[in-house]
Amino acid sequence: MNSNSQSANADTYSQRLADIVGTAIALLTLTLPVFVIAHYSSTNVNNNQQPLIQNLQGSKD
């Protein structure tokens, strides 16, 4: 009977460990993209795009 109770105890430990690891993975999956987006989307980024409307007066003759 003792060996049976030991395996039940080991199953409980592995289940608990799996719950902790699963929770950690879930938290990383939910929070990591937010931090990465916040890091790369700074408000001090220079706008290097050319204007959509270009000066066409020089091409008119």
C-alpha atoms as a PDB file:
ATOM      1  CA  MET A   1       0.000   0.000   0.000  1.00  0.00           C
ATOM      2  CA  ASN A   2       2.845   2.384   0.635  1.00  0.00           C
ATOM      3  CA  SER A   3       4.066   2.190  -2.952  1.00  0.00           C
ATOM      4  CA  ASN A   4       0.582   3.050  -4.177  1.00  0.00           C
ATOM      5  CA  SER A   5       0.405   6.173  -2.013  1.00  0.00           C
ATOM      6  CA  GLN A   6       3.884   7.240  -3.187  1.00  0.00           C
ATOM      7  CA  SER A   7       2.891   7.144  -6.847  1.00  0.00           C
ATOM      8  CA  ALA A   8      -0.225   9.182  -6.081  1.00  0.00           C
ATOM      9  CA  ASN A   9       1.999  11.686  -4.325  1.00  0.00           C
ATOM     10  CA  ALA A  10       4.339  11.866  -7.344  1.00  0.00           C
ATOM     11  CA  ASP A  11       1.355  12.372  -9.663  1.00  0.00           C
ATOM     12  CA  THR A  12       0.157  15.257  -7.511  1.00  0.00           C
ATOM     13  CA  TYR A  13       3.624  16.849  -7.636  1.00  0.00           C
ATOM     14  CA  SER A  14       3.906  16.499 -11.413  1.00  0.00           C
ATOM     15  CA  GLN A  15       0.370  17.865 -11.848  1.00  0.00           C
ATOM     16  CA  ARG A  16       1.224  20.856  -9.655  1.00  0.00           C
ATOM     17  CA  LEU A  17       4.450  21.450 -11.581  1.00  0.00           C
ATOM     18  CA  ALA A  18       2.574  21.254 -14.880  1.00  0.00           C
ATOM     19  CA  ASP A  19       0.040  23.808 -13.594  1.00  0.00           C
ATOM     20  CA  ILE A  20       2.810  26.221 -12.590  1.00  0.00           C
ATOM     21  CA  VAL A  21       4.668  25.849 -15.899  1.00  0.00           C
ATOM     22  CA  GLY A  22       1.425  26.229 -17.859  1.00  0.00           C
ATOM     23  CA  THR A  23       0.508  29.365 -15.945  1.00  0.00           C
ATOM     24  CA  ALA A  24       3.961  30.848 -16.557  1.00  0.00           C
ATOM     25  CA  ILE A  25       3.715  30.130 -20.295  1.00  0.00           C
ATOM     26  CA  ALA A  26       0.226  31.642 -20.440  1.00  0.00           C
ATOM     27  CA  LEU A  27       1.361  34.812 -18.656  1.00  0.00           C
ATOM     28  CA  LEU A  28       4.364  35.186 -20.958  1.00  0.00           C
ATOM     29  CA  THR A  29       2.165  34.646 -24.002  1.00  0.00           C
ATOM     30  CA  LEU A  30      -0.217  37.374 -22.889  1.00  0.00           C
ATOM     31  CA  THR A  31       2.239  39.955 -21.555  1.00  0.00           C
ATOM     32  CA  LEU A  32       5.369  39.615 -23.687  1.00  0.00           C
ATOM     33  CA  PRO A  33       3.792  40.932 -26.928  1.00  0.00           C
ATOM     34  CA  VAL A  34       2.501  43.996 -25.068  1.00  0.00           C
ATOM     35  CA  PHE A  35       5.977  44.818 -23.757  1.00  0.00           C
ATOM     36  CA  VAL A  36       7.611  44.227 -27.148  1.00  0.00           C
ATOM     37  CA  ILE A  37       5.089  46.466 -28.918  1.00  0.00           C
ATOM     38  CA  ALA A  38       5.500  49.148 -26.264  1.00  0.00           C
ATOM     39  CA  HIS A  39       9.277  48.977 -26.592  1.00  0.00           C
ATOM     40  CA  TYR A  40       9.371  49.307 -30.371  1.00  0.00           C
ATOM     41  CA  SER A  41       6.609  51.890 -30.726  1.00  0.00           C
ATOM     42  CA  SER A  42       8.264  54.912 -29.223  1.00  0.00           C
ATOM     43  CA  THR A  43       6.724  58.378 -29.417  1.00  0.00           C
ATOM     44  CA  ASN A  44      10.087  59.870 -30.445  1.00  0.00           C
ATOM     45  CA  VAL A  45      10.277  58.056 -33.766  1.00  0.00           C
ATOM     46  CA  ASN A  46      11.100  60.366 -36.651  1.00  0.00           C
ATOM     47  CA  ASN A  47       8.585  60.383 -39.451  1.00  0.00           C
ATOM     48  CA  ASN A  48      10.660  59.663 -42.558  1.00  0.00           C
ATOM     49  CA  GLN A  49       7.740  59.182 -44.915  1.00  0.00           C
ATOM     50  CA  GLN A  50       7.526  61.389 -47.959  1.00  0.00           C
ATOM     51  CA  PRO A  51       4.405  63.503 -48.311  1.00  0.00           C
ATOM     52  CA  LEU A  52       1.654  61.937 -50.356  1.00  0.00           C
ATOM     53  CA  ILE A  53       1.094  65.096 -52.390  1.00  0.00           C
ATOM     54  CA  GLN A  54       4.218  66.154 -54.205  1.00  0.00           C
ATOM     55  CA  ASN A  55       4.863  69.530 -55.710  1.00  0.00           C
ATOM     56  CA  LEU A  56       3.739  69.250 -59.340  1.00  0.00           C
ATOM     57  CA  GLN A  57       4.195  72.896 -60.242  1.00  0.00           C
ATOM     58  CA  GLY A  58       7.754  72.306 -61.481  1.00  0.00           C
ATOM     59  CA  SER A  59       6.590  69.760 -64.055  1.00  0.00           C
ATOM     60  CA  LYS A  60       3.969  72.086 -65.563  1.00  0.00           C
ATOM     61  CA  ASP A  61       5.295  74.146 -68.507  1.00  0.00           C
END
